[in-house]
N, C-alpha and C. Protein backbone atom coordinates (compact mmCIF):
# COMPACT_ATOMS: atom_id res chain seq x y z
N MET A 1 -5.92 -22.11 18.65
CA MET A 1 -5.20 -22.56 18.91
C MET A 1 -3.95 -22.10 17.64
N LYS A 2 -2.82 -21.50 18.13
CA LYS A 2 -2.11 -20.96 17.27
C LYS A 2 -1.04 -21.95 16.62
N TYR A 3 -0.18 -21.30 15.95
CA TYR A 3 0.84 -22.06 15.06
C TYR A 3 2.00 -22.63 16.06
N LYS A 4 2.06 -21.57 17.19
CA LYS A 4 3.41 -21.84 17.76
C LYS A 4 2.98 -22.97 18.79
N THR A 5 1.77 -23.45 19.00
CA THR A 5 1.30 -24.62 19.71
C THR A 5 1.40 -25.58 19.00
N ILE A 6 1.14 -25.66 17.91
CA ILE A 6 1.19 -26.98 16.90
C ILE A 6 2.60 -27.33 16.12
N GLN A 7 3.32 -26.45 16.12
CA GLN A 7 4.84 -26.48 15.14
C GLN A 7 5.46 -27.78 15.42
N PHE A 8 5.44 -28.08 16.77
CA PHE A 8 6.35 -29.01 17.48
C PHE A 8 5.55 -30.53 17.35
N TYR A 9 4.12 -30.54 17.03
CA TYR A 9 3.60 -31.97 16.84
C TYR A 9 4.16 -32.73 16.12
N LYS A 10 3.98 -33.98 16.17
CA LYS A 10 4.25 -35.05 15.62
C LYS A 10 3.34 -34.84 14.17
N ASP A 11 3.96 -35.59 13.32
CA ASP A 11 3.24 -35.13 11.60
C ASP A 11 1.65 -35.65 11.79
N SER A 12 1.74 -36.89 12.63
CA SER A 12 0.28 -37.33 12.30
C SER A 12 -0.69 -36.32 13.02
N VAL A 13 -0.22 -36.25 14.17
CA VAL A 13 -1.16 -35.11 15.01
C VAL A 13 -1.56 -34.03 14.09
N PHE A 14 -0.20 -33.48 13.87
CA PHE A 14 -0.47 -32.27 13.08
C PHE A 14 -1.49 -32.46 11.38
N ARG A 15 -1.36 -33.43 10.92
CA ARG A 15 -2.32 -33.73 10.13
C ARG A 15 -4.08 -33.80 10.38
N ARG A 16 -3.90 -35.01 11.76
CA ARG A 16 -5.37 -34.59 12.19
C ARG A 16 -6.22 -33.63 12.83
N ILE A 17 -5.17 -32.35 12.82
CA ILE A 17 -5.61 -31.16 13.43
C ILE A 17 -5.72 -29.95 12.38
N THR A 18 -4.78 -30.02 11.37
CA THR A 18 -4.80 -29.05 10.18
C THR A 18 -5.96 -29.52 9.05
N GLY A 19 -5.69 -30.64 8.62
CA GLY A 19 -6.31 -31.23 7.77
C GLY A 19 -5.38 -31.37 6.63
N VAL A 20 -4.24 -31.02 6.67
CA VAL A 20 -3.24 -31.13 5.66
C VAL A 20 -2.08 -31.59 6.32
N GLN A 21 -1.16 -32.07 5.30
CA GLN A 21 0.31 -32.84 5.78
C GLN A 21 0.94 -31.29 5.97
N ARG A 22 2.05 -31.40 6.50
CA ARG A 22 2.96 -30.51 6.99
C ARG A 22 3.51 -30.31 5.98
N GLN A 23 3.84 -30.97 5.11
CA GLN A 23 4.88 -30.61 3.69
C GLN A 23 3.57 -29.70 3.02
N THR A 24 2.74 -29.79 2.90
CA THR A 24 1.57 -28.97 1.86
C THR A 24 1.45 -27.70 3.12
N PHE A 25 1.31 -27.78 4.51
CA PHE A 25 1.24 -26.71 5.12
C PHE A 25 2.25 -25.74 4.34
N ASP A 26 3.60 -26.00 4.65
CA ASP A 26 4.68 -25.82 4.36
C ASP A 26 4.53 -25.06 3.10
N ILE A 27 4.28 -25.52 2.07
CA ILE A 27 4.14 -25.10 0.52
C ILE A 27 2.91 -23.55 0.40
N MET A 28 1.94 -23.73 1.49
CA MET A 28 0.72 -22.98 1.33
C MET A 28 1.45 -21.81 2.44
N VAL A 29 1.98 -22.03 2.86
CA VAL A 29 2.82 -20.33 3.66
C VAL A 29 3.76 -20.10 2.86
N SER A 30 4.87 -20.60 1.93
CA SER A 30 5.66 -20.32 1.19
C SER A 30 4.84 -19.37 0.26
N ILE A 31 3.52 -19.91 -0.54
CA ILE A 31 3.02 -19.11 -1.57
C ILE A 31 2.33 -17.88 -1.06
N LEU A 32 1.63 -18.14 0.45
CA LEU A 32 1.02 -16.65 1.34
C LEU A 32 2.36 -15.58 1.10
N LYS A 33 3.05 -16.18 1.39
CA LYS A 33 4.34 -15.20 2.14
C LYS A 33 5.01 -14.21 0.63
N GLU A 34 4.92 -14.93 -0.24
CA GLU A 34 5.37 -14.47 -1.60
C GLU A 34 4.55 -13.52 -1.87
N ALA A 35 2.89 -13.78 -1.67
CA ALA A 35 1.60 -13.11 -2.06
C ALA A 35 1.91 -11.92 -0.78
N TYR A 36 1.91 -12.16 -0.04
CA TYR A 36 1.88 -10.79 1.31
C TYR A 36 2.97 -9.51 0.90
N LEU A 37 4.23 -10.61 0.55
CA LEU A 37 5.42 -9.39 0.15
C LEU A 37 4.89 -8.53 -0.94
N ALA A 38 4.47 -9.50 -1.93
CA ALA A 38 4.24 -8.68 -3.51
C ALA A 38 3.08 -7.76 -2.85
N LYS A 39 2.29 -7.79 -2.34
CA LYS A 39 1.17 -6.74 -1.94
C LYS A 39 1.68 -5.48 -1.15
N HIS A 40 2.36 -6.13 -0.20
CA HIS A 40 2.91 -4.97 0.88
C HIS A 40 4.22 -4.84 0.70
N MET A 41 4.94 -4.64 -0.71
CA MET A 41 6.03 -4.35 -0.99
C MET A 41 6.65 -2.81 -0.44
N ARG A 42 5.80 -2.10 -0.45
CA ARG A 42 6.67 -0.65 -0.43
C ARG A 42 6.01 -0.04 1.63
N ARG A 43 4.92 -0.49 1.73
CA ARG A 43 4.47 -0.18 3.00
C ARG A 43 3.29 -0.94 3.27
N GLY A 44 2.36 -0.62 4.44
CA GLY A 44 1.50 -1.05 5.41
C GLY A 44 1.71 -1.47 6.42
N ARG A 45 0.79 -1.81 7.09
CA ARG A 45 0.77 -2.25 8.71
C ARG A 45 1.18 -3.51 8.58
N LYS A 46 1.85 -3.82 9.93
CA LYS A 46 2.17 -4.82 10.02
C LYS A 46 0.91 -5.88 10.38
N PRO A 47 0.73 -6.88 10.27
CA PRO A 47 -0.44 -7.70 10.51
C PRO A 47 -0.42 -8.12 11.89
N LYS A 48 -1.57 -8.30 12.96
CA LYS A 48 -1.54 -9.03 14.03
C LYS A 48 -1.18 -10.33 14.07
N LEU A 49 -1.87 -10.96 13.17
CA LEU A 49 -1.36 -12.54 12.93
C LEU A 49 -0.25 -13.05 11.85
N CYS A 50 0.91 -13.97 12.34
CA CYS A 50 1.77 -14.32 11.15
C CYS A 50 0.88 -14.82 10.29
N ILE A 51 1.67 -15.43 9.14
CA ILE A 51 1.02 -15.75 7.94
C ILE A 51 0.67 -17.34 8.39
N GLU A 52 1.15 -17.79 9.35
CA GLU A 52 0.89 -19.28 9.69
C GLU A 52 0.15 -19.50 10.59
N ASP A 53 -0.42 -18.49 11.51
CA ASP A 53 -1.92 -18.39 11.58
C ASP A 53 -2.73 -17.82 11.18
N MET A 54 -2.63 -16.88 10.08
CA MET A 54 -3.65 -16.85 8.92
C MET A 54 -4.22 -18.02 8.30
N LEU A 55 -3.14 -18.61 7.80
CA LEU A 55 -3.24 -20.00 7.33
C LEU A 55 -4.00 -20.82 8.19
N LEU A 56 -3.92 -21.11 9.38
CA LEU A 56 -4.18 -21.92 10.60
C LEU A 56 -5.73 -21.25 10.70
N ALA A 57 -5.91 -20.63 10.70
CA ALA A 57 -7.31 -20.07 10.93
C ALA A 57 -8.12 -20.37 9.72
N CYS A 58 -8.00 -19.82 8.43
CA CYS A 58 -8.43 -20.29 7.25
C CYS A 58 -8.94 -21.82 7.46
N LEU A 59 -7.74 -22.65 7.80
CA LEU A 59 -7.89 -23.97 7.47
C LEU A 59 -8.90 -24.47 8.97
N GLU A 60 -8.99 -23.62 10.25
CA GLU A 60 -10.09 -24.12 11.14
C GLU A 60 -11.23 -23.73 10.30
N TYR A 61 -11.36 -22.67 10.04
CA TYR A 61 -12.93 -22.43 9.62
C TYR A 61 -13.30 -23.21 8.45
N LEU A 62 -12.62 -23.69 7.77
CA LEU A 62 -12.84 -24.93 6.56
C LEU A 62 -13.24 -25.95 7.07
N ARG A 63 -12.27 -26.67 7.88
CA ARG A 63 -12.43 -27.87 8.07
C ARG A 63 -13.50 -28.31 9.59
N GLU A 64 -13.22 -27.22 10.31
CA GLU A 64 -14.51 -27.38 11.47
C GLU A 64 -15.59 -26.43 11.47
N TYR A 65 -15.82 -25.80 10.25
CA TYR A 65 -17.12 -24.94 10.24
C TYR A 65 -17.77 -24.35 11.41
N ARG A 66 -16.50 -23.68 11.80
CA ARG A 66 -16.47 -22.88 12.80
C ARG A 66 -17.11 -21.39 12.58
N THR A 67 -17.64 -20.59 13.44
CA THR A 67 -18.17 -19.09 12.65
C THR A 67 -17.10 -18.56 13.02
N PHE A 68 -16.98 -17.11 11.84
CA PHE A 68 -16.02 -16.21 12.04
C PHE A 68 -15.97 -15.81 13.16
N ALA A 69 -16.96 -15.47 14.36
CA ALA A 69 -16.82 -14.86 15.47
C ALA A 69 -16.15 -16.00 16.39
N HIS A 70 -16.22 -16.98 16.44
CA HIS A 70 -15.65 -18.26 17.19
C HIS A 70 -14.06 -18.23 16.87
N THR A 71 -13.86 -18.45 15.85
CA THR A 71 -12.56 -17.99 15.22
C THR A 71 -11.85 -16.73 15.64
N ALA A 72 -12.23 -15.89 15.72
CA ALA A 72 -11.62 -14.39 15.78
C ALA A 72 -11.42 -14.61 17.25
N ALA A 73 -12.33 -15.27 18.33
CA ALA A 73 -12.37 -15.41 19.48
C ALA A 73 -11.09 -16.03 19.63
N SER A 74 -10.51 -17.05 19.56
CA SER A 74 -9.63 -17.66 19.67
C SER A 74 -8.62 -17.15 19.12
N TYR A 75 -8.33 -16.11 18.18
CA TYR A 75 -7.24 -15.68 17.80
C TYR A 75 -7.14 -14.09 18.27
N GLY A 76 -7.76 -13.80 18.79
CA GLY A 76 -7.80 -12.13 19.80
C GLY A 76 -8.13 -11.08 18.38
N VAL A 77 -8.65 -11.66 17.23
CA VAL A 77 -8.80 -10.28 16.57
C VAL A 77 -10.82 -10.31 16.13
N HIS A 78 -10.88 -9.14 15.51
CA HIS A 78 -12.17 -9.19 15.05
C HIS A 78 -12.87 -10.16 14.15
N GLU A 79 -13.96 -10.28 14.20
CA GLU A 79 -14.39 -11.01 13.01
C GLU A 79 -14.54 -10.66 11.87
N SER A 80 -14.60 -9.01 11.25
CA SER A 80 -14.40 -8.91 9.95
C SER A 80 -12.76 -9.32 9.78
N THR A 81 -12.10 -9.35 10.65
CA THR A 81 -10.49 -9.58 10.36
C THR A 81 -10.12 -10.95 9.94
N ILE A 82 -10.82 -11.77 10.51
CA ILE A 82 -11.27 -13.18 10.01
C ILE A 82 -11.27 -13.49 8.89
N TYR A 83 -12.60 -12.60 8.57
CA TYR A 83 -13.53 -12.91 7.35
C TYR A 83 -12.29 -12.47 6.18
N ARG A 84 -11.79 -11.47 6.33
CA ARG A 84 -10.37 -11.03 5.18
C ARG A 84 -9.61 -11.85 5.20
N ILE A 85 -9.04 -12.35 6.06
CA ILE A 85 -7.93 -13.33 6.11
C ILE A 85 -8.30 -14.54 5.28
N VAL A 86 -9.38 -15.05 5.68
CA VAL A 86 -10.23 -16.20 5.01
C VAL A 86 -10.16 -16.02 3.71
N ARG A 87 -10.54 -14.95 3.23
CA ARG A 87 -10.89 -14.47 1.96
C ARG A 87 -9.22 -14.36 1.23
N TRP A 88 -8.73 -13.58 1.64
CA TRP A 88 -7.20 -13.43 1.13
C TRP A 88 -6.50 -15.13 1.10
N VAL A 89 -6.68 -15.73 1.96
CA VAL A 89 -6.04 -17.05 1.55
C VAL A 89 -6.33 -17.66 0.98
N GLU A 90 -7.80 -18.28 0.85
CA GLU A 90 -8.43 -18.57 -0.31
C GLU A 90 -8.25 -18.26 -1.62
N ASP A 91 -8.33 -16.90 -1.92
CA ASP A 91 -8.01 -16.01 -3.01
C ASP A 91 -6.41 -16.59 -3.83
N VAL A 92 -5.63 -16.44 -2.80
CA VAL A 92 -4.31 -16.51 -2.67
C VAL A 92 -3.97 -17.62 -3.34
N LEU A 93 -4.19 -18.99 -2.84
CA LEU A 93 -4.36 -20.64 -3.05
C LEU A 93 -4.69 -20.99 -4.32
N ILE A 94 -5.75 -20.48 -4.56
CA ILE A 94 -6.45 -20.82 -5.75
C ILE A 94 -5.66 -20.05 -6.67
N LYS A 95 -5.65 -18.75 -7.07
CA LYS A 95 -5.41 -17.96 -8.06
C LYS A 95 -3.72 -18.60 -8.08
N ASP A 96 -2.94 -19.28 -7.28
CA ASP A 96 -1.70 -20.17 -7.61
C ASP A 96 -1.60 -20.99 -8.41
N GLY A 97 -2.57 -21.75 -8.22
CA GLY A 97 -2.64 -23.07 -8.89
C GLY A 97 -1.84 -24.21 -8.32
N VAL A 98 -0.99 -24.10 -7.68
CA VAL A 98 0.12 -25.00 -7.53
C VAL A 98 -0.84 -26.40 -6.84
N LEU A 99 -1.58 -26.24 -6.07
CA LEU A 99 -2.28 -26.95 -5.20
C LEU A 99 -3.61 -27.38 -5.86
N ALA A 100 -3.53 -27.04 -7.09
CA ALA A 100 -5.26 -27.15 -7.76
C ALA A 100 -5.27 -28.78 -7.99
N LEU A 101 -6.64 -28.88 -8.03
CA LEU A 101 -6.64 -30.60 -8.44
C LEU A 101 -7.03 -30.50 -9.78
N PRO A 102 -6.92 -31.64 -10.32
CA PRO A 102 -7.23 -31.74 -11.81
C PRO A 102 -8.65 -31.48 -11.99
N GLY A 103 -8.88 -30.71 -13.22
CA GLY A 103 -10.30 -30.65 -13.35
C GLY A 103 -11.15 -31.74 -14.13
N ARG A 104 -12.35 -31.47 -14.75
CA ARG A 104 -13.27 -32.51 -15.06
C ARG A 104 -12.63 -33.08 -16.35
N LYS A 105 -12.30 -31.95 -17.22
CA LYS A 105 -11.63 -32.48 -18.73
C LYS A 105 -10.57 -33.26 -18.65
N SER A 106 -9.88 -33.59 -17.33
CA SER A 106 -8.81 -34.24 -17.33
C SER A 106 -9.12 -35.97 -17.27
N LEU A 107 -10.08 -35.87 -16.45
CA LEU A 107 -11.02 -37.61 -16.73
C LEU A 107 -11.27 -37.92 -18.33
N LEU A 108 -11.69 -37.01 -18.48
CA LEU A 108 -12.14 -37.29 -20.27
C LEU A 108 -10.95 -38.10 -20.99
N LYS A 109 -10.00 -37.31 -20.89
CA LYS A 109 -8.40 -37.32 -21.69
C LYS A 109 -8.43 -39.41 -21.70
N ASP A 110 -8.59 -39.58 -20.61
CA ASP A 110 -8.03 -41.15 -20.88
C ASP A 110 -9.36 -42.35 -20.24
N ALA A 111 -10.46 -42.25 -21.07
CA ALA A 111 -11.77 -42.86 -20.65
C ALA A 111 -11.39 -44.34 -20.97
N SER A 112 -10.36 -44.66 -21.41
CA SER A 112 -10.34 -46.14 -21.99
C SER A 112 -9.90 -47.00 -20.31
N ASP A 113 -9.03 -46.26 -19.40
CA ASP A 113 -9.03 -47.05 -18.48
C ASP A 113 -10.07 -47.44 -17.69
N TYR A 114 -10.88 -46.70 -17.70
CA TYR A 114 -12.03 -47.02 -16.64
C TYR A 114 -13.14 -48.23 -17.32
N ALA A 115 -13.38 -48.69 -15.87
CA ALA A 115 -14.44 -49.67 -16.37
C ALA A 115 -16.03 -49.16 -16.13
N PHE A 116 -16.92 -49.81 -16.96
CA PHE A 116 -18.19 -49.40 -16.89
C PHE A 116 -19.04 -50.33 -16.42
N LEU A 117 -20.19 -50.35 -15.57
CA LEU A 117 -21.11 -50.85 -14.97
C LEU A 117 -22.46 -50.59 -15.70
N LEU A 118 -23.01 -51.83 -16.32
CA LEU A 118 -24.58 -51.78 -16.87
C LEU A 118 -25.11 -52.09 -15.75
N ILE A 119 -26.40 -51.33 -15.65
CA ILE A 119 -27.46 -51.63 -14.94
C ILE A 119 -28.68 -52.26 -15.40
N ASP A 120 -29.35 -53.28 -15.14
CA ASP A 120 -30.86 -53.35 -15.88
C ASP A 120 -31.55 -52.79 -14.83
N ALA A 121 -32.38 -51.68 -15.46
CA ALA A 121 -33.22 -50.95 -14.85
C ALA A 121 -34.45 -51.31 -15.52
N THR A 122 -34.87 -52.43 -16.01
CA THR A 122 -36.20 -52.35 -16.76
C THR A 122 -37.30 -52.46 -15.60
N GLU A 123 -38.68 -52.29 -16.24
CA GLU A 123 -39.91 -52.13 -15.54
C GLU A 123 -40.21 -53.35 -15.20
N SER A 124 -40.88 -53.73 -13.80
CA SER A 124 -41.55 -54.90 -14.02
C SER A 124 -42.61 -54.86 -12.92
N PRO A 125 -43.75 -55.51 -13.38
CA PRO A 125 -44.89 -55.30 -12.58
C PRO A 125 -44.89 -55.31 -11.21
N ILE A 126 -45.59 -54.52 -10.33
CA ILE A 126 -45.36 -54.64 -8.96
C ILE A 126 -46.50 -55.84 -8.63
N GLU A 127 -46.13 -56.47 -7.44
CA GLU A 127 -46.82 -57.83 -7.10
C GLU A 127 -47.66 -57.15 -5.94
N ARG A 128 -49.12 -56.89 -6.05
CA ARG A 128 -49.93 -56.71 -4.90
C ARG A 128 -51.34 -57.33 -5.02
N PRO A 129 -52.23 -57.30 -4.15
CA PRO A 129 -53.52 -58.26 -4.76
C PRO A 129 -54.27 -57.22 -5.51
N LYS A 130 -54.91 -58.13 -6.17
CA LYS A 130 -55.85 -57.73 -7.55
C LYS A 130 -57.24 -57.00 -6.97
N LYS A 131 -57.79 -55.81 -7.48
CA LYS A 131 -58.82 -55.35 -6.95
C LYS A 131 -60.17 -56.00 -7.45
N THR A 132 -61.22 -56.31 -6.47
CA THR A 132 -62.09 -56.71 -6.65
C THR A 132 -63.25 -55.80 -6.51
N ALA A 133 -64.23 -56.31 -7.28
CA ALA A 133 -65.93 -55.61 -6.95
C ALA A 133 -66.18 -55.27 -5.32
N SER A 134 -65.86 -56.42 -4.81
CA SER A 134 -66.22 -56.13 -3.45
C SER A 134 -65.41 -54.84 -2.69
N THR A 135 -64.11 -55.13 -2.68
CA THR A 135 -63.22 -54.02 -2.23
C THR A 135 -63.54 -52.39 -2.62
N LEU A 136 -64.09 -52.70 -4.31
CA LEU A 136 -64.14 -51.13 -4.74
C LEU A 136 -65.37 -50.35 -4.64
N PHE A 137 -66.82 -51.25 -4.48
CA PHE A 137 -67.49 -50.60 -3.63
C PHE A 137 -68.37 -51.41 -2.50
N ARG A 138 -68.42 -50.49 -1.68
CA ARG A 138 -68.60 -50.61 -0.31
C ARG A 138 -70.33 -50.29 -0.16
N GLU A 139 -70.75 -51.47 0.58
CA GLU A 139 -72.42 -51.38 0.42
C GLU A 139 -72.56 -50.20 1.84
N GLU A 140 -73.36 -49.57 1.71
CA GLU A 140 -74.12 -48.30 2.65
C GLU A 140 -74.47 -49.33 3.83
N LYS A 141 -74.14 -49.12 5.04
CA LYS A 141 -74.44 -49.65 5.85
C LYS A 141 -76.09 -48.59 6.81
N THR A 142 -76.89 -49.24 7.10
CA THR A 142 -78.10 -48.74 7.75
C THR A 142 -77.64 -48.67 9.36
N THR A 143 -78.31 -47.17 9.58
CA THR A 143 -78.07 -47.18 11.01
C THR A 143 -79.02 -47.65 11.73
N HIS A 144 -79.12 -48.51 12.73
CA HIS A 144 -79.96 -48.85 13.56
C HIS A 144 -80.71 -47.72 14.81
N CYS A 145 -81.79 -47.69 14.85
CA CYS A 145 -82.31 -46.62 15.71
C CYS A 145 -82.87 -47.25 16.77
């Protein structure tokens, strides 16, 4: 599915298909456009897919667990092209840091706000039948001739 198809969808449907809200998608597109212009400032071949389609292909790959071959077939490019696009989109968005989630250390700053729950995990004996001498030692049965 290409961006031309889903750009006019309602926000709720757009969110269900892409996995991100439209505002977040627009922020991602602006970050990718800046990175693309910086990368291809003087020269370079025009891409077969627009920036929006590159981002959408990456989101489809990450969200739907589609293979590169299936994603490439739906966009009409080669499998290796989709691999390079997905890797480039991920690297640019991670490096930019605007959409990054807070790290583990941010959780440790305000530890007083969290409630702790203690669970009693002491050992308790298992209730099972006691072993008797008759169950431990079986008598040998004689065979009848």
